[in-house]
Amino acid sequence: MKSYIILITIVMVLLVSSCIILAWGGHDVFTFLVVTSIPEFDYQRLVEIRQYTYLEKRAYNGQRYVTEDLILTDKARINIDEDLVRKSGISFSPNQLVQDGRLPVWAVFLVYACFPDNGMDFVEQSEILRNLIGDTQANRHAYLKVSFFEYFEGDKSFLHFVRMSREAFKKGDEYWGYRFLAYALHYLEDLMQPYHVRPGTVPELIQYIFDPKIRKFLRNAHSTYDRYMTFLLNSSKYKEEFRQMIRDAKPLILPVSDEQLIYEAIMYSYSMFFDIHAEVKRVFGQILYERKASMEDFKRAEEKGELGRLYELTKKLASVLASLTKGVILKTVSLN
């Protein structure tokens, strides 16, 4: 048993130290679709842009943890397609989005749902700690589970920003309430990407230690499924159907603590891994030994009818994620 624990630990160290970034694509579009389809949620409400006045116990990369408003300072631009604008019922001019120092709620979510991928989680740490758990960008966006072993702190990332959001709302600071909540949703979305909670099958993980080809294969499988979400949201022939499925998802407010909610989300994601991993390998198996699948690869596979099961599995996963995300928004906002 002791040797098995050592083996799993080595695998986890190798996996995390080899990951440059873990990011399920389409955080901005997915979160926008969720926010603008919650019944009786005023996503067009204007909130006053406030200065950052918070003390956080968690360390972040100071050069990347930007606290100014990126839209107000013209460092972020709203760029969404006409269909998203039309079906959400919003009307805006990109150059006049800020009105008297205020922003619409949907814009806060759209811009800041992507923010945790900007490098803010790359935090300096001792060489010993880095060798043990990998870089902080990776371990803060994942919660890897293999057999009885669980590692890393993606759940803590979600919980931290939910708490910060509630603190802001209690102070009457809606801007930072929504901005912190957008950060929290990013981690929830990441943890509902199955490769963020299960990197491979046990035989693959054992091979991972000794075989560089398997290392590349698993990293590319992970990145391919990251990209698949972006493909479905923006380029698939089923794009409209997929977007509408997210809009139609009913808010799910679980009568549990935030800690239990994120754990349940992780376990659901974990349960989906094996079927999704099998489909990714079936469709793109040979490609993954060399590279991650491209948008052109997805298009070709879709036209050949090879993505049917992966699409159905991803719809099921995304529908649950959309419902959970809507529930977290409603619960967090309504408690304040």
Protein backbone atom coordinates (compact mmCIF):
# COMPACT_ATOMS: atom_id res chain seq x y z
CA MET A 1 0.00 0.00 0.00
CA LYS A 2 2.85 2.36 0.87
CA SER A 3 4.48 1.79 -2.52
CA TYR A 4 1.15 2.49 -4.24
CA ILE A 5 0.84 5.81 -2.42
CA ILE A 6 4.38 6.73 -3.49
CA LEU A 7 3.57 5.75 -7.07
CA ILE A 8 0.43 7.87 -7.19
CA THR A 9 2.27 10.81 -5.63
CA ILE A 10 4.98 10.61 -8.30
CA VAL A 11 2.32 10.53 -11.01
CA MET A 12 0.60 13.59 -9.62
CA VAL A 13 3.84 15.53 -9.36
CA LEU A 14 4.71 14.68 -12.97
CA LEU A 15 1.24 15.56 -14.19
CA VAL A 16 1.05 18.94 -12.52
CA SER A 17 4.64 19.98 -13.17
CA SER A 18 4.12 19.25 -16.87
CA CYS A 19 0.89 21.26 -17.19
CA ILE A 20 1.43 24.82 -18.38
CA ILE A 21 -2.19 25.81 -17.85
CA LEU A 22 -5.49 24.11 -17.17
CA ALA A 23 -8.34 25.95 -18.79
CA TRP A 24 -11.66 24.76 -20.12
CA GLY A 25 -12.30 27.02 -23.09
CA GLY A 26 -15.20 29.42 -23.45
CA HIS A 27 -15.52 30.68 -19.86
CA ASP A 28 -16.69 34.06 -21.14
CA VAL A 29 -19.39 32.83 -23.53
CA PHE A 30 -20.58 30.02 -21.26
CA THR A 31 -20.91 32.32 -18.24
CA PHE A 32 -22.60 35.01 -20.33
CA LEU A 33 -25.18 32.49 -21.56
CA VAL A 34 -25.81 31.35 -17.98
CA VAL A 35 -26.13 34.86 -16.53
CA THR A 36 -28.44 36.17 -19.24
CA SER A 37 -30.87 33.24 -18.99
CA ILE A 38 -31.61 33.16 -15.25
CA PRO A 39 -35.30 33.84 -14.63
CA GLU A 40 -35.97 37.15 -12.86
CA PHE A 41 -32.25 37.96 -12.59
CA ASP A 42 -31.56 41.57 -13.59
CA TYR A 43 -28.39 41.05 -15.58
CA GLN A 44 -28.74 44.49 -17.22
CA ARG A 45 -28.63 46.24 -13.87
CA LEU A 46 -25.94 48.93 -13.70
CA VAL A 47 -23.52 48.68 -10.76
CA GLU A 48 -21.07 51.32 -9.66
CA ILE A 49 -17.41 50.51 -10.31
CA ARG A 50 -15.71 50.53 -6.91
CA GLN A 51 -12.09 50.55 -5.83
CA TYR A 52 -10.63 47.36 -4.40
CA THR A 53 -10.63 47.69 -0.61
CA TYR A 54 -10.27 44.07 0.46
CA LEU A 55 -7.77 42.05 2.46
CA GLU A 56 -7.42 38.50 1.18
CA LYS A 57 -5.66 35.77 3.13
CA ARG A 58 -4.74 33.94 -0.05
CA ALA A 59 -1.56 34.92 -1.90
CA TYR A 60 -1.70 35.83 -5.58
CA ASN A 61 0.73 37.03 -8.22
CA GLY A 62 0.67 40.77 -7.56
CA GLN A 63 1.59 41.67 -11.12
CA ARG A 64 -1.32 39.66 -12.49
CA TYR A 65 -3.95 40.14 -9.79
CA VAL A 66 -5.26 43.34 -11.31
CA THR A 67 -7.77 45.27 -9.22
CA GLU A 68 -8.56 48.12 -11.59
CA ASP A 69 -11.55 47.80 -13.90
CA LEU A 70 -10.30 46.52 -17.24
CA ILE A 71 -13.20 47.96 -19.23
CA LEU A 72 -12.93 51.41 -17.69
CA THR A 73 -9.18 51.50 -18.39
CA ASP A 74 -9.75 50.17 -21.93
CA LYS A 75 -7.68 47.03 -21.27
CA ALA A 76 -10.58 44.72 -22.07
CA ARG A 77 -13.05 44.97 -24.92
CA ILE A 78 -16.47 43.41 -25.19
CA ASN A 79 -16.49 41.23 -28.28
CA ILE A 80 -19.50 38.95 -28.59
CA ASP A 81 -21.38 37.83 -31.68
CA GLU A 82 -24.70 39.25 -32.84
CA ASP A 83 -26.65 36.14 -31.91
CA LEU A 84 -25.56 36.38 -28.27
CA VAL A 85 -26.51 40.06 -28.18
CA ARG A 86 -29.88 39.54 -29.87
CA LYS A 87 -31.04 36.53 -27.85
CA SER A 88 -29.93 38.04 -24.53
CA GLY A 89 -31.98 41.17 -25.19
CA ILE A 90 -29.10 43.51 -24.39
CA SER A 91 -28.33 46.69 -26.29
CA PHE A 92 -24.95 48.36 -25.97
CA SER A 93 -22.22 50.27 -27.72
CA PRO A 94 -18.73 48.85 -27.05
CA ASN A 95 -17.36 52.38 -26.69
CA GLN A 96 -20.08 53.50 -24.27
CA LEU A 97 -20.42 50.47 -22.04
CA VAL A 98 -19.38 52.40 -18.94
CA GLN A 99 -22.20 54.80 -18.02
CA ASP A 100 -21.48 57.37 -15.31
CA GLY A 101 -18.91 55.04 -13.76
CA ARG A 102 -21.27 52.07 -13.84
CA LEU A 103 -21.27 48.75 -15.68
CA PRO A 104 -24.07 46.29 -16.47
CA VAL A 105 -23.89 43.07 -14.45
CA TRP A 106 -23.60 40.90 -17.57
CA ALA A 107 -20.44 42.76 -18.62
CA VAL A 108 -18.79 42.11 -15.26
CA PHE A 109 -19.41 38.38 -15.64
CA LEU A 110 -18.39 38.29 -19.31
CA VAL A 111 -15.02 39.96 -18.71
CA TYR A 112 -14.05 38.52 -15.35
CA ALA A 113 -15.13 34.89 -15.78
CA CYS A 114 -11.89 34.44 -17.75
CA PHE A 115 -9.74 36.39 -15.31
CA PRO A 116 -8.26 33.51 -13.23
CA ASP A 117 -6.49 32.25 -16.36
CA ASN A 118 -4.42 35.43 -16.67
CA GLY A 119 -1.60 34.11 -14.49
CA MET A 120 -2.74 35.43 -11.13
CA ASP A 121 -2.39 31.93 -9.64
CA PHE A 122 1.31 31.66 -10.47
CA VAL A 123 2.54 32.35 -6.97
CA GLU A 124 6.17 32.14 -5.86
CA GLN A 125 6.79 29.21 -3.56
CA SER A 126 9.72 27.20 -2.26
CA GLU A 127 11.47 24.78 -4.59
CA ILE A 128 10.59 21.91 -2.25
CA LEU A 129 6.88 22.77 -2.35
CA ARG A 130 6.94 23.26 -6.11
CA ASN A 131 8.51 19.82 -6.57
CA LEU A 132 5.90 18.24 -4.31
CA ILE A 133 2.70 19.76 -5.68
CA GLY A 134 3.62 21.41 -8.96
CA ASP A 135 3.01 25.02 -9.93
CA THR A 136 0.19 26.93 -8.32
CA GLN A 137 -1.56 27.75 -11.59
CA ALA A 138 -2.19 24.06 -12.13
CA ASN A 139 -3.07 22.96 -8.62
CA ARG A 140 -5.43 25.90 -8.00
CA HIS A 141 -7.53 25.00 -11.03
CA ALA A 142 -7.77 21.27 -10.41
CA TYR A 143 -8.82 18.71 -7.86
CA LEU A 144 -7.25 15.52 -9.07
CA LYS A 145 -8.75 12.28 -7.83
CA VAL A 146 -7.29 8.85 -8.47
CA SER A 147 -8.75 5.93 -6.52
CA PHE A 148 -8.91 7.07 -2.87
CA PHE A 149 -6.33 9.80 -3.35
CA GLU A 150 -7.33 13.43 -3.75
CA TYR A 151 -4.99 16.32 -4.42
CA PHE A 152 -4.83 20.07 -4.97
CA GLU A 153 -7.05 22.99 -4.21
CA GLY A 154 -9.42 23.93 -7.01
CA ASP A 155 -12.24 23.56 -4.50
CA LYS A 156 -10.53 26.06 -2.19
CA SER A 157 -10.24 28.51 -5.08
CA PHE A 158 -14.00 28.36 -5.62
CA LEU A 159 -14.77 28.66 -1.91
CA HIS A 160 -12.40 31.60 -1.42
CA PHE A 161 -14.07 33.75 -4.04
CA VAL A 162 -17.61 32.80 -3.04
CA ARG A 163 -16.74 34.05 0.44
CA MET A 164 -15.17 37.22 -0.97
CA SER A 165 -18.28 37.79 -3.08
CA ARG A 166 -20.53 37.52 -0.05
CA GLU A 167 -18.31 39.86 1.91
CA ALA A 168 -18.55 42.44 -0.87
CA PHE A 169 -22.34 42.16 -1.14
CA LYS A 170 -22.67 42.58 2.63
CA LYS A 171 -20.71 45.84 2.32
CA GLY A 172 -23.14 47.01 -0.37
CA ASP A 173 -20.42 46.69 -3.00
CA GLU A 174 -22.26 45.03 -5.87
CA TYR A 175 -19.43 45.55 -8.36
CA TRP A 176 -16.91 43.46 -6.40
CA GLY A 177 -19.67 41.11 -5.32
CA TYR A 178 -20.28 40.19 -8.95
CA ARG A 179 -16.60 40.36 -9.93
CA PHE A 180 -15.52 37.96 -7.16
CA LEU A 181 -18.46 35.72 -8.05
CA ALA A 182 -17.30 35.63 -11.68
CA TYR A 183 -13.91 34.42 -10.43
CA ALA A 184 -15.59 31.72 -8.34
CA LEU A 185 -17.63 30.49 -11.29
CA HIS A 186 -14.44 30.08 -13.31
CA TYR A 187 -13.16 27.49 -10.83
CA LEU A 188 -16.52 25.73 -10.68
CA GLU A 189 -16.48 25.47 -14.48
CA ASP A 190 -12.90 24.18 -14.43
CA LEU A 191 -13.73 21.49 -11.88
CA MET A 192 -16.62 20.33 -14.03
CA GLN A 193 -14.13 19.58 -16.82
CA PRO A 194 -13.46 15.88 -16.14
CA TYR A 195 -9.75 16.06 -16.96
CA HIS A 196 -9.38 18.57 -14.12
CA VAL A 197 -10.40 15.91 -11.62
CA ARG A 198 -9.13 12.72 -13.27
CA PRO A 199 -6.02 12.86 -15.51
CA GLY A 200 -6.23 9.32 -16.91
CA THR A 201 -6.97 5.69 -16.13
CA VAL A 202 -4.78 3.92 -13.58
CA PRO A 203 -2.88 1.90 -16.26
CA GLU A 204 -2.25 5.12 -18.19
CA LEU A 205 -0.98 6.88 -15.09
CA ILE A 206 1.44 4.05 -14.34
CA GLN A 207 2.71 4.20 -17.93
CA TYR A 208 2.93 7.98 -17.57
CA ILE A 209 5.90 7.64 -15.22
CA PHE A 210 8.01 5.71 -17.72
CA ASP A 211 6.70 6.56 -21.18
CA PRO A 212 7.03 10.13 -22.55
CA LYS A 213 4.59 9.24 -25.35
CA ILE A 214 1.84 8.57 -22.81
CA ARG A 215 2.64 11.84 -21.06
CA LYS A 216 2.16 13.73 -24.30
CA PHE A 217 -0.95 11.69 -25.11
CA LEU A 218 -2.70 12.51 -21.82
CA ARG A 219 -1.78 16.19 -21.94
CA ASN A 220 -3.13 16.42 -25.48
CA ALA A 221 -6.32 14.55 -24.54
CA HIS A 222 -6.89 17.09 -21.76
CA SER A 223 -6.23 20.07 -24.04
CA THR A 224 -8.42 18.59 -26.76
CA TYR A 225 -11.43 18.41 -24.47
CA ASP A 226 -10.72 21.95 -23.28
CA ARG A 227 -10.92 23.06 -26.90
CA TYR A 228 -14.02 21.02 -27.60
CA MET A 229 -16.08 23.29 -25.35
CA THR A 230 -14.84 26.32 -27.29
CA PHE A 231 -15.74 24.55 -30.54
CA LEU A 232 -19.27 23.75 -29.37
CA LEU A 233 -19.89 27.30 -28.16
CA ASN A 234 -18.56 29.04 -31.24
CA SER A 235 -18.02 26.86 -34.31
CA SER A 236 -20.00 23.61 -34.22
CA LYS A 237 -22.96 23.08 -36.53
CA TYR A 238 -24.83 22.39 -33.28
CA LYS A 239 -23.73 25.72 -31.78
CA GLU A 240 -27.25 27.16 -31.55
CA GLU A 241 -28.67 23.97 -30.07
CA PHE A 242 -25.85 23.81 -27.52
CA ARG A 243 -26.24 27.46 -26.55
CA GLN A 244 -29.99 27.06 -26.19
CA MET A 245 -29.50 24.04 -23.96
CA ILE A 246 -27.44 26.23 -21.61
CA ARG A 247 -30.13 28.93 -21.69
CA ASP A 248 -32.87 26.39 -20.96
CA ALA A 249 -31.11 24.82 -17.98
CA LYS A 250 -33.11 25.36 -14.80
CA PRO A 251 -31.32 26.87 -11.79
CA LEU A 252 -30.34 24.20 -9.29
CA ILE A 253 -29.96 25.45 -5.72
CA LEU A 254 -28.71 22.60 -3.58
CA PRO A 255 -29.69 22.77 0.14
CA VAL A 256 -26.09 22.10 1.17
CA SER A 257 -23.03 24.06 2.25
CA ASP A 258 -20.70 25.58 -0.33
CA GLU A 259 -18.12 22.95 0.63
CA GLN A 260 -20.55 20.13 -0.07
CA LEU A 261 -21.75 21.73 -3.30
CA ILE A 262 -18.29 21.95 -4.84
CA TYR A 263 -17.49 18.43 -3.71
CA GLU A 264 -20.68 17.12 -5.34
CA ALA A 265 -19.76 18.99 -8.54
CA ILE A 266 -16.31 17.39 -8.49
CA MET A 267 -17.74 13.91 -7.97
CA TYR A 268 -20.20 14.38 -10.83
CA SER A 269 -17.36 15.49 -13.08
CA TYR A 270 -15.30 12.50 -11.94
CA SER A 271 -18.17 10.15 -12.80
CA MET A 272 -18.25 11.49 -16.36
CA PHE A 273 -14.52 11.08 -16.97
CA PHE A 274 -14.34 7.49 -18.17
CA ASP A 275 -16.99 7.78 -20.91
CA ILE A 276 -15.66 11.14 -22.11
CA HIS A 277 -12.04 9.99 -22.06
CA ALA A 278 -12.98 6.88 -24.04
CA GLU A 279 -14.67 9.01 -26.72
CA VAL A 280 -11.80 11.49 -26.94
CA LYS A 281 -9.42 8.56 -27.48
CA ARG A 282 -11.72 6.81 -29.95
CA VAL A 283 -12.11 9.86 -32.19
CA PHE A 284 -8.68 11.48 -31.88
CA GLY A 285 -6.49 8.67 -30.55
CA GLN A 286 -3.64 8.73 -33.08
CA ILE A 287 -3.57 12.52 -33.31
CA LEU A 288 -3.08 12.83 -29.55
CA TYR A 289 0.33 11.18 -29.64
CA GLU A 290 1.53 14.15 -31.67
CA ARG A 291 -0.68 17.14 -30.83
CA LYS A 292 -4.01 18.31 -29.46
CA ALA A 293 -6.98 18.34 -31.83
CA SER A 294 -7.56 21.54 -33.78
CA MET A 295 -10.82 23.26 -34.70
CA GLU A 296 -10.41 21.78 -38.19
CA ASP A 297 -10.13 18.31 -36.65
CA PHE A 298 -13.38 18.88 -34.77
CA LYS A 299 -15.13 20.06 -37.92
CA ARG A 300 -13.99 17.06 -39.94
CA ALA A 301 -14.96 14.62 -37.19
CA GLU A 302 -18.34 16.30 -36.78
CA GLU A 303 -19.08 16.13 -40.50
CA LYS A 304 -18.18 12.43 -40.52
CA GLY A 305 -20.60 11.82 -37.65
CA GLU A 306 -17.83 10.74 -35.28
CA LEU A 307 -18.64 13.16 -32.46
CA GLY A 308 -22.21 12.12 -31.75
CA ARG A 309 -21.61 10.39 -28.43
CA LEU A 310 -19.04 12.94 -27.23
CA TYR A 311 -21.54 15.68 -28.02
CA GLU A 312 -24.32 13.96 -26.07
CA LEU A 313 -22.04 13.39 -23.08
CA THR A 314 -20.86 17.00 -23.15
CA LYS A 315 -24.43 18.29 -23.38
CA LYS A 316 -25.33 16.27 -20.31
CA LEU A 317 -22.32 17.61 -18.43
CA ALA A 318 -22.82 21.22 -19.56
CA SER A 319 -26.52 21.14 -18.68
CA VAL A 320 -25.75 20.14 -15.08
CA LEU A 321 -22.96 22.72 -14.93
CA ALA A 322 -25.30 25.46 -16.23
CA SER A 323 -27.94 24.56 -13.64
CA LEU A 324 -25.40 24.54 -10.82
CA THR A 325 -23.87 27.83 -11.96
CA LYS A 326 -27.26 29.54 -12.09
CA GLY A 327 -28.03 28.20 -8.65
CA VAL A 328 -24.75 29.50 -7.20
CA ILE A 329 -25.44 32.95 -8.63
CA LEU A 330 -28.98 33.11 -7.24
CA LYS A 331 -28.01 31.73 -3.84
CA THR A 332 -25.00 34.04 -3.43
CA VAL A 333 -26.85 37.17 -4.50
CA SER A 334 -30.06 36.38 -2.57
CA LEU A 335 -28.23 35.80 0.72
CA ASN A 336 -27.12 39.42 0.78
